[in-house]
Amino acid sequence: MRLGYGGGSFRDGVMFSGDKAYYLFGGRDVTGRIVRITMTQNGETCTMENAEGKTHFLFCTERSPQLGDYDFDRSTLRFYDEDGNDITAEYNLSGGRIA
């Protein structure tokens, strides 16, 4: 796995291990405000926690292998602060892929 290069603060992608698939989402949040991230794809919502408020993070969640290699739409990503406020609009969601 490699995070690759490019602009933006976030990277994402799907990695396979045996018959399992994992969605990885990594990034940096210099403000340390992101404590929870949600993402919805094909009707499934996953939640990734950053309870410690780390400025660099890599989240991993198991996904259905049938979703394919890279079927994730970043427009479904939502970032939340410690009070549960949606702070997504404060971030540029551009970035590259994890390969």
Protein backbone atom coordinates (compact mmCIF):
# COMPACT_ATOMS: atom_id res chain seq x y z
CA MET A 1 0.00 0.00 0.00
CA ARG A 2 1.21 3.52 -0.70
CA LEU A 3 -0.41 6.90 -0.16
CA GLY A 4 0.95 8.36 -3.38
CA TYR A 5 1.55 12.01 -4.17
CA GLY A 6 -0.53 14.95 -5.25
CA GLY A 7 -2.41 17.91 -3.91
CA GLY A 8 -5.09 17.79 -1.28
CA SER A 9 -5.18 16.58 2.28
CA PHE A 10 -6.97 13.27 1.83
CA ARG A 11 -6.36 9.90 0.14
CA ASP A 12 -8.71 6.97 -0.20
CA GLY A 13 -8.99 3.62 -1.90
CA VAL A 14 -9.90 -0.03 -1.64
CA MET A 15 -7.40 -2.72 -0.70
CA PHE A 16 -8.06 -6.46 -0.95
CA SER A 17 -6.75 -9.13 1.37
CA GLY A 18 -7.82 -12.65 0.49
CA ASP A 19 -11.59 -12.61 0.07
CA LYS A 20 -12.02 -9.37 2.07
CA ALA A 21 -12.08 -5.76 0.87
CA TYR A 22 -11.20 -2.71 2.96
CA TYR A 23 -11.94 0.95 2.33
CA LEU A 24 -9.03 3.11 3.52
CA PHE A 25 -9.29 6.83 4.10
CA GLY A 26 -6.23 8.74 5.20
CA GLY A 27 -5.46 12.37 5.62
CA ARG A 28 -4.29 15.27 7.63
CA ASP A 29 -6.37 17.73 9.59
CA VAL A 30 -4.04 20.39 10.93
CA THR A 31 -6.83 21.81 13.10
CA GLY A 32 -7.48 18.46 14.81
CA ARG A 33 -11.23 19.13 14.70
CA ILE A 34 -12.36 16.01 12.80
CA VAL A 35 -13.48 13.40 15.32
CA ARG A 36 -15.89 11.39 13.14
CA ILE A 37 -16.19 10.69 9.43
CA THR A 38 -19.12 9.03 7.70
CA MET A 39 -19.33 7.76 4.13
CA THR A 40 -22.29 6.22 2.31
CA GLN A 41 -22.02 4.01 -0.76
CA ASN A 42 -24.66 1.77 -2.34
CA GLY A 43 -26.93 2.35 0.67
CA GLU A 44 -24.29 1.29 3.21
CA THR A 45 -23.00 3.87 5.68
CA CYS A 46 -19.77 3.42 7.57
CA THR A 47 -18.48 5.53 10.43
CA MET A 48 -14.83 6.08 11.22
CA GLU A 49 -13.78 7.61 14.53
CA ASN A 50 -10.87 9.91 15.39
CA ALA A 51 -11.69 10.30 19.09
CA GLU A 52 -8.15 11.44 19.95
CA GLY A 53 -8.34 14.31 17.47
CA LYS A 54 -5.12 13.27 15.75
CA THR A 55 -3.95 15.55 12.96
CA HIS A 56 -2.85 12.63 10.72
CA PHE A 57 -5.02 9.57 10.42
CA LEU A 58 -5.68 6.40 8.47
CA PHE A 59 -9.09 4.80 8.85
CA CYS A 60 -9.92 1.31 7.68
CA THR A 61 -13.32 -0.33 7.42
CA GLU A 62 -14.28 -3.66 5.88
CA ARG A 63 -16.53 -3.35 2.83
CA SER A 64 -18.31 -5.76 0.52
CA PRO A 65 -15.87 -7.09 -2.12
CA GLN A 66 -18.70 -6.86 -4.67
CA LEU A 67 -18.52 -3.04 -4.61
CA GLY A 68 -15.54 -3.18 -6.95
CA ASP A 69 -12.11 -1.64 -6.99
CA TYR A 70 -12.99 2.03 -6.61
CA ASP A 71 -16.69 2.77 -6.42
CA PHE A 72 -16.64 5.43 -3.70
CA ASP A 73 -18.09 8.89 -4.17
CA ARG A 74 -16.36 11.48 -2.00
CA SER A 75 -19.46 13.68 -2.09
CA THR A 76 -20.97 11.32 0.51
CA LEU A 77 -18.14 11.98 3.00
CA ARG A 78 -19.13 13.95 6.08
CA PHE A 79 -16.79 15.29 8.78
CA TYR A 80 -18.02 16.02 12.31
CA ASP A 81 -16.47 17.86 15.24
CA GLU A 82 -16.60 16.85 18.91
CA ASP A 83 -20.03 18.51 19.31
CA GLY A 84 -21.49 16.54 16.39
CA ASN A 85 -21.55 19.53 14.03
CA ASP A 86 -21.11 18.79 10.32
CA ILE A 87 -17.89 20.62 9.39
CA THR A 88 -17.44 19.09 5.92
CA ALA A 89 -17.81 22.41 4.10
CA GLU A 90 -14.70 23.71 5.87
CA TYR A 91 -12.46 21.16 4.09
CA ASN A 92 -11.24 20.66 0.54
CA LEU A 93 -11.99 17.01 -0.22
CA SER A 94 -9.57 16.81 -3.12
CA GLY A 95 -6.71 14.37 -3.00
CA GLY A 96 -5.38 11.19 -4.51
CA ARG A 97 -5.88 7.50 -4.22
CA ILE A 98 -4.34 4.94 -1.95
CA ALA A 99 -2.86 2.30 -4.23
